[in-house]
Amino acid sequence: MPAPDPSDDRPDEGSRPETDAERRRRRAQFLRELAEARELRDRVQPRRAKVARLRHAMRMRTFRW
């Protein structure tokens, strides 16, 4: 298990409860990084990305509201 990073910008978890704004900010950062990772994977593996797009399209076509 990796040691905690001292340069981490968030305070200790037990010191105070996080606010909604902090949680939303961390979630937005995570989603940005996730989208960036997907874009990188799509550039590096175009065939796999195409198959994933086709699978997603098929799921959306067969989804029942």
PDB file of N, CA and C in Angstrom:
ATOM      1  N   MET A   1       0.851  -1.181   0.000  1.00  0.00           N
ATOM      2  CA  MET A   1       0.000   0.000   0.000  1.00  0.00           C
ATOM      3  C   MET A   1       0.895   1.242   0.000  1.00  0.00           C
ATOM      4  N   PRO A   2       0.626   2.191  -0.914  1.00  0.00           N
ATOM      5  CA  PRO A   2       1.503   3.364  -1.002  1.00  0.00           C
ATOM      6  C   PRO A   2       1.333   4.278   0.205  1.00  0.00           C
ATOM      7  N   ALA A   3       2.413   4.962   0.538  1.00  0.00           N
ATOM      8  CA  ALA A   3       2.378   5.910   1.641  1.00  0.00           C
ATOM      9  C   ALA A   3       1.580   7.140   1.228  1.00  0.00           C
ATOM     10  N   PRO A   4       0.915   7.805   2.165  1.00  0.00           N
ATOM     11  CA  PRO A   4       0.165   9.015   1.808  1.00  0.00           C
ATOM     12  C   PRO A   4       1.097  10.101   1.279  1.00  0.00           C
ATOM     13  N   ASP A   5       0.615  10.802   0.288  1.00  0.00           N
ATOM     14  CA  ASP A   5       1.409  11.845  -0.362  1.00  0.00           C
ATOM     15  C   ASP A   5       1.340  13.124   0.469  1.00  0.00           C
ATOM     16  N   PRO A   6       2.478  13.605   0.986  1.00  0.00           N
ATOM     17  CA  PRO A   6       2.433  14.824   1.803  1.00  0.00           C
ATOM     18  C   PRO A   6       2.050  16.060   1.001  1.00  0.00           C
ATOM     19  N   SER A   7       2.174  16.023  -0.318  1.00  0.00           N
ATOM     20  CA  SER A   7       1.824  17.187  -1.131  1.00  0.00           C
ATOM     21  C   SER A   7       0.337  17.215  -1.461  1.00  0.00           C
ATOM     22  N   ASP A   8      -0.416  16.240  -0.951  1.00  0.00           N
ATOM     23  CA  ASP A   8      -1.858  16.197  -1.198  1.00  0.00           C
ATOM     24  C   ASP A   8      -2.491  17.452  -0.602  1.00  0.00           C
ATOM     25  N   ASP A   9      -3.421  18.079  -1.340  1.00  0.00           N
ATOM     26  CA  ASP A   9      -3.954  19.360  -0.908  1.00  0.00           C
ATOM     27  C   ASP A   9      -5.157  19.252   0.022  1.00  0.00           C
ATOM     28  N   ARG A  10      -5.685  18.068   0.274  1.00  0.00           N
ATOM     29  CA  ARG A  10      -6.845  17.976   1.160  1.00  0.00           C
ATOM     30  C   ARG A  10      -6.398  17.737   2.597  1.00  0.00           C
ATOM     31  N   PRO A  11      -7.164  18.231   3.550  1.00  0.00           N
ATOM     32  CA  PRO A  11      -6.802  18.040   4.964  1.00  0.00           C
ATOM     33  C   PRO A  11      -7.067  16.595   5.385  1.00  0.00           C
ATOM     34  N   ASP A  12      -6.662  16.268   6.611  1.00  0.00           N
ATOM     35  CA  ASP A  12      -6.939  14.940   7.145  1.00  0.00           C
ATOM     36  C   ASP A  12      -8.442  14.710   7.150  1.00  0.00           C
ATOM     37  N   GLU A  13      -8.828  13.452   6.872  1.00  0.00           N
ATOM     38  CA  GLU A  13     -10.252  13.133   6.764  1.00  0.00           C
ATOM     39  C   GLU A  13     -10.990  13.398   8.073  1.00  0.00           C
ATOM     40  N   GLY A  14     -10.344  13.189   9.229  1.00  0.00           N
ATOM     41  CA  GLY A  14     -11.020  13.331  10.499  1.00  0.00           C
ATOM     42  C   GLY A  14     -11.077  14.753  11.026  1.00  0.00           C
ATOM     43  N   SER A  15     -10.389  15.698  10.411  1.00  0.00           N
ATOM     44  CA  SER A  15     -10.316  17.037  10.972  1.00  0.00           C
ATOM     45  C   SER A  15     -11.631  17.795  10.842  1.00  0.00           C
ATOM     46  N   ARG A  16     -12.322  17.646   9.723  1.00  0.00           N
ATOM     47  CA  ARG A  16     -13.617  18.312   9.552  1.00  0.00           C
ATOM     48  C   ARG A  16     -14.354  17.634   8.402  1.00  0.00           C
ATOM     49  N   PRO A  17     -15.675  17.661   8.445  1.00  0.00           N
ATOM     50  CA  PRO A  17     -16.423  17.056   7.331  1.00  0.00           C
ATOM     51  C   PRO A  17     -16.262  17.903   6.070  1.00  0.00           C
ATOM     52  N   GLU A  18     -16.179  17.229   4.926  1.00  0.00           N
ATOM     53  CA  GLU A  18     -16.007  17.994   3.690  1.00  0.00           C
ATOM     54  C   GLU A  18     -17.332  18.615   3.266  1.00  0.00           C
ATOM     55  N   THR A  19     -17.253  19.758   2.651  1.00  0.00           N
ATOM     56  CA  THR A  19     -18.460  20.445   2.212  1.00  0.00           C
ATOM     57  C   THR A  19     -18.897  19.886   0.864  1.00  0.00           C
ATOM     58  N   ASP A  20     -20.130  20.213   0.499  1.00  0.00           N
ATOM     59  CA  ASP A  20     -20.634  19.777  -0.799  1.00  0.00           C
ATOM     60  C   ASP A  20     -19.792  20.345  -1.938  1.00  0.00           C
ATOM     61  N   ALA A  21     -19.345  21.578  -1.778  1.00  0.00           N
ATOM     62  CA  ALA A  21     -18.548  22.209  -2.830  1.00  0.00           C
ATOM     63  C   ALA A  21     -17.227  21.459  -3.032  1.00  0.00           C
ATOM     64  N   GLU A  22     -16.589  21.059  -1.927  1.00  0.00           N
ATOM     65  CA  GLU A  22     -15.338  20.312  -2.049  1.00  0.00           C
ATOM     66  C   GLU A  22     -15.563  18.965  -2.716  1.00  0.00           C
ATOM     67  N   ARG A  23     -16.647  18.289  -2.326  1.00  0.00           N
ATOM     68  CA  ARG A  23     -16.953  16.988  -2.916  1.00  0.00           C
ATOM     69  C   ARG A  23     -17.227  17.129  -4.414  1.00  0.00           C
ATOM     70  N   ARG A  24     -17.996  18.153  -4.788  1.00  0.00           N
ATOM     71  CA  ARG A  24     -18.290  18.378  -6.214  1.00  0.00           C
ATOM     72  C   ARG A  24     -17.024  18.707  -6.986  1.00  0.00           C
ATOM     73  N   ARG A  25     -16.121  19.500  -6.364  1.00  0.00           N
ATOM     74  CA  ARG A  25     -14.873  19.849  -7.041  1.00  0.00           C
ATOM     75  C   ARG A  25     -14.018  18.611  -7.280  1.00  0.00           C
ATOM     76  N   ARG A  26     -13.914  17.753  -6.252  1.00  0.00           N
ATOM     77  CA  ARG A  26     -13.123  16.529  -6.416  1.00  0.00           C
ATOM     78  C   ARG A  26     -13.759  15.600  -7.451  1.00  0.00           C
ATOM     79  N   ARG A  27     -15.086  15.528  -7.455  1.00  0.00           N
ATOM     80  CA  ARG A  27     -15.777  14.669  -8.426  1.00  0.00           C
ATOM     81  C   ARG A  27     -15.571  15.194  -9.852  1.00  0.00           C
ATOM     82  N   ALA A  28     -15.668  16.515 -10.028  1.00  0.00           N
ATOM     83  CA  ALA A  28     -15.455  17.100 -11.352  1.00  0.00           C
ATOM     84  C   ALA A  28     -14.035  16.831 -11.834  1.00  0.00           C
ATOM     85  N   GLN A  29     -13.056  16.948 -10.947  1.00  0.00           N
ATOM     86  CA  GLN A  29     -11.667  16.665 -11.313  1.00  0.00           C
ATOM     87  C   GLN A  29     -11.519  15.199 -11.722  1.00  0.00           C
ATOM     88  N   PHE A  30     -12.125  14.301 -10.964  1.00  0.00           N
ATOM     89  CA  PHE A  30     -12.057  12.877 -11.286  1.00  0.00           C
ATOM     90  C   PHE A  30     -12.672  12.598 -12.647  1.00  0.00           C
ATOM     91  N   LEU A  31     -13.838  13.185 -12.928  1.00  0.00           N
ATOM     92  CA  LEU A  31     -14.501  12.943 -14.203  1.00  0.00           C
ATOM     93  C   LEU A  31     -13.687  13.510 -15.371  1.00  0.00           C
ATOM     94  N   ARG A  32     -13.025  14.660 -15.153  1.00  0.00           N
ATOM     95  CA  ARG A  32     -12.157  15.210 -16.209  1.00  0.00           C
ATOM     96  C   ARG A  32     -11.006  14.260 -16.507  1.00  0.00           C
ATOM     97  N   GLU A  33     -10.376  13.739 -15.443  1.00  0.00           N
ATOM     98  CA  GLU A  33      -9.254  12.821 -15.639  1.00  0.00           C
ATOM     99  C   GLU A  33      -9.714  11.526 -16.290  1.00  0.00           C
ATOM    100  N   LEU A  34     -10.901  11.055 -15.936  1.00  0.00           N
ATOM    101  CA  LEU A  34     -11.439   9.840 -16.539  1.00  0.00           C
ATOM    102  C   LEU A  34     -11.689  10.040 -18.033  1.00  0.00           C
ATOM    103  N   ALA A  35     -12.261  11.177 -18.396  1.00  0.00           N
ATOM    104  CA  ALA A  35     -12.505  11.462 -19.811  1.00  0.00           C
ATOM    105  C   ALA A  35     -11.185  11.578 -20.573  1.00  0.00           C
ATOM    106  N   GLU A  36     -10.192  12.190 -19.951  1.00  0.00           N
ATOM    107  CA  GLU A  36      -8.875  12.315 -20.589  1.00  0.00           C
ATOM    108  C   GLU A  36      -8.250  10.933 -20.806  1.00  0.00           C
ATOM    109  N   ALA A  37      -8.389  10.054 -19.827  1.00  0.00           N
ATOM    110  CA  ALA A  37      -7.845   8.699 -19.959  1.00  0.00           C
ATOM    111  C   ALA A  37      -8.559   7.940 -21.072  1.00  0.00           C
ATOM    112  N   ARG A  38      -9.873   8.111 -21.182  1.00  0.00           N
ATOM    113  CA  ARG A  38     -10.616   7.447 -22.263  1.00  0.00           C
ATOM    114  C   ARG A  38     -10.167   7.955 -23.629  1.00  0.00           C
ATOM    115  N   GLU A  39      -9.983   9.273 -23.742  1.00  0.00           N
ATOM    116  CA  GLU A  39      -9.528   9.833 -25.013  1.00  0.00           C
ATOM    117  C   GLU A  39      -8.154   9.287 -25.394  1.00  0.00           C
ATOM    118  N   LEU A  40      -7.260   9.206 -24.425  1.00  0.00           N
ATOM    119  CA  LEU A  40      -5.935   8.661 -24.682  1.00  0.00           C
ATOM    120  C   LEU A  40      -6.028   7.206 -25.129  1.00  0.00           C
ATOM    121  N   ARG A  41      -6.835   6.423 -24.430  1.00  0.00           N
ATOM    122  CA  ARG A  41      -7.003   5.017 -24.810  1.00  0.00           C
ATOM    123  C   ARG A  41      -7.583   4.896 -26.217  1.00  0.00           C
ATOM    124  N   ASP A  42      -8.531   5.765 -26.556  1.00  0.00           N
ATOM    125  CA  ASP A  42      -9.126   5.731 -27.894  1.00  0.00           C
ATOM    126  C   ASP A  42      -8.098   6.056 -28.972  1.00  0.00           C
ATOM    127  N   ARG A  43      -7.165   6.975 -28.666  1.00  0.00           N
ATOM    128  CA  ARG A  43      -6.121   7.303 -29.639  1.00  0.00           C
ATOM    129  C   ARG A  43      -5.127   6.163 -29.795  1.00  0.00           C
ATOM    130  N   VAL A  44      -4.807   5.502 -28.683  1.00  0.00           N
ATOM    131  CA  VAL A  44      -3.794   4.456 -28.709  1.00  0.00           C
ATOM    132  C   VAL A  44      -4.353   3.158 -29.281  1.00  0.00           C
ATOM    133  N   GLN A  45      -5.621   2.875 -29.024  1.00  0.00           N
ATOM    134  CA  GLN A  45      -6.230   1.614 -29.476  1.00  0.00           C
ATOM    135  C   GLN A  45      -7.506   1.916 -30.258  1.00  0.00           C
ATOM    136  N   PRO A  46      -7.382   2.388 -31.503  1.00  0.00           N
ATOM    137  CA  PRO A  46      -8.570   2.812 -32.245  1.00  0.00           C
ATOM    138  C   PRO A  46      -9.540   1.666 -32.533  1.00  0.00           C
ATOM    139  N   ARG A  47      -9.035   0.459 -32.756  1.00  0.00           N
ATOM    140  CA  ARG A  47      -9.947  -0.643 -33.054  1.00  0.00           C
ATOM    141  C   ARG A  47     -10.808  -0.970 -31.841  1.00  0.00           C
ATOM    142  N   ARG A  48     -10.178  -1.018 -30.682  1.00  0.00           N
ATOM    143  CA  ARG A  48     -10.930  -1.295 -29.457  1.00  0.00           C
ATOM    144  C   ARG A  48     -11.940  -0.183 -29.183  1.00  0.00           C
ATOM    145  N   ALA A  49     -11.560   1.049 -29.487  1.00  0.00           N
ATOM    146  CA  ALA A  49     -12.469   2.169 -29.271  1.00  0.00           C
ATOM    147  C   ALA A  49     -13.687   2.055 -30.191  1.00  0.00           C
ATOM    148  N   LYS A  50     -13.463   1.642 -31.427  1.00  0.00           N
ATOM    149  CA  LYS A  50     -14.577   1.489 -32.368  1.00  0.00           C
ATOM    150  C   LYS A  50     -15.529   0.398 -31.881  1.00  0.00           C
ATOM    151  N   VAL A  51     -14.982  -0.708 -31.435  1.00  0.00           N
ATOM    152  CA  VAL A  51     -15.814  -1.806 -30.930  1.00  0.00           C
ATOM    153  C   VAL A  51     -16.604  -1.338 -29.709  1.00  0.00           C
ATOM    154  N   ALA A  52     -15.962  -0.576 -28.830  1.00  0.00           N
ATOM    155  CA  ALA A  52     -16.654  -0.065 -27.640  1.00  0.00           C
ATOM    156  C   ALA A  52     -17.793   0.870 -28.042  1.00  0.00           C
ATOM    157  N   ARG A  53     -17.564   1.723 -29.042  1.00  0.00           N
ATOM    158  CA  ARG A  53     -18.630   2.617 -29.520  1.00  0.00           C
ATOM    159  C   ARG A  53     -19.797   1.819 -30.085  1.00  0.00           C
ATOM    160  N   LEU A  54     -19.498   0.777 -30.871  1.00  0.00           N
ATOM    161  CA  LEU A  54     -20.563  -0.049 -31.449  1.00  0.00           C
ATOM    162  C   LEU A  54     -21.351  -0.772 -30.358  1.00  0.00           C
ATOM    163  N   ARG A  55     -20.649  -1.295 -29.364  1.00  0.00           N
ATOM    164  CA  ARG A  55     -21.340  -1.966 -28.246  1.00  0.00           C
ATOM    165  C   ARG A  55     -22.239  -0.994 -27.498  1.00  0.00           C
ATOM    166  N   HIS A  56     -21.715   0.206 -27.259  1.00  0.00           N
ATOM    167  CA  HIS A  56     -22.511   1.211 -26.553  1.00  0.00           C
ATOM    168  C   HIS A  56     -23.755   1.573 -27.361  1.00  0.00           C
ATOM    169  N   ALA A  57     -23.602   1.737 -28.669  1.00  0.00           N
ATOM    170  CA  ALA A  57     -24.743   2.061 -29.530  1.00  0.00           C
ATOM    171  C   ALA A  57     -25.782   0.939 -29.485  1.00  0.00           C
ATOM    172  N   MET A  58     -25.327  -0.302 -29.489  1.00  0.00           N
ATOM    173  CA  MET A  58     -26.261  -1.426 -29.417  1.00  0.00           C
ATOM    174  C   MET A  58     -27.002  -1.432 -28.077  1.00  0.00           C
ATOM    175  N   ARG A  59     -26.294  -1.157 -26.990  1.00  0.00           N
ATOM    176  CA  ARG A  59     -26.959  -1.078 -25.687  1.00  0.00           C
ATOM    177  C   ARG A  59     -28.016   0.011 -25.674  1.00  0.00           C
ATOM    178  N   MET A  60     -27.689   1.140 -26.273  1.00  0.00           N
ATOM    179  CA  MET A  60     -28.640   2.249 -26.269  1.00  0.00           C
ATOM    180  C   MET A  60     -29.847   1.928 -27.130  1.00  0.00           C
ATOM    181  N   ARG A  61     -29.650   1.212 -28.236  1.00  0.00           N
ATOM    182  CA  ARG A  61     -30.789   0.868 -29.088  1.00  0.00           C
ATOM    183  C   ARG A  61     -31.716  -0.125 -28.405  1.00  0.00           C
ATOM    184  N   THR A  62     -31.175  -1.021 -27.601  1.00  0.00           N
ATOM    185  CA  THR A  62     -32.000  -2.070 -27.000  1.00  0.00           C
ATOM    186  C   THR A  62     -32.482  -1.692 -25.608  1.00  0.00           C
ATOM    187  N   PHE A  63     -32.128  -0.518 -25.116  1.00  0.00           N
ATOM    188  CA  PHE A  63     -32.566  -0.090 -23.780  1.00  0.00           C
ATOM    189  C   PHE A  63     -34.025   0.282 -23.825  1.00  0.00           C
ATOM    190  N   ARG A  64     -34.782  -0.201 -22.873  1.00  0.00           N
ATOM    191  CA  ARG A  64     -36.211   0.124 -22.810  1.00  0.00           C
ATOM    192  C   ARG A  64     -36.446   1.211 -21.767  1.00  0.00           C
ATOM    193  N   TRP A  65     -37.203   2.227 -22.132  1.00  0.00           N
ATOM    194  CA  TRP A  65     -37.531   3.289 -21.200  1.00  0.00           C
ATOM    195  C   TRP A  65     -38.677   2.820 -20.419  1.00  0.00           C
TER     196      TRP A  65
END
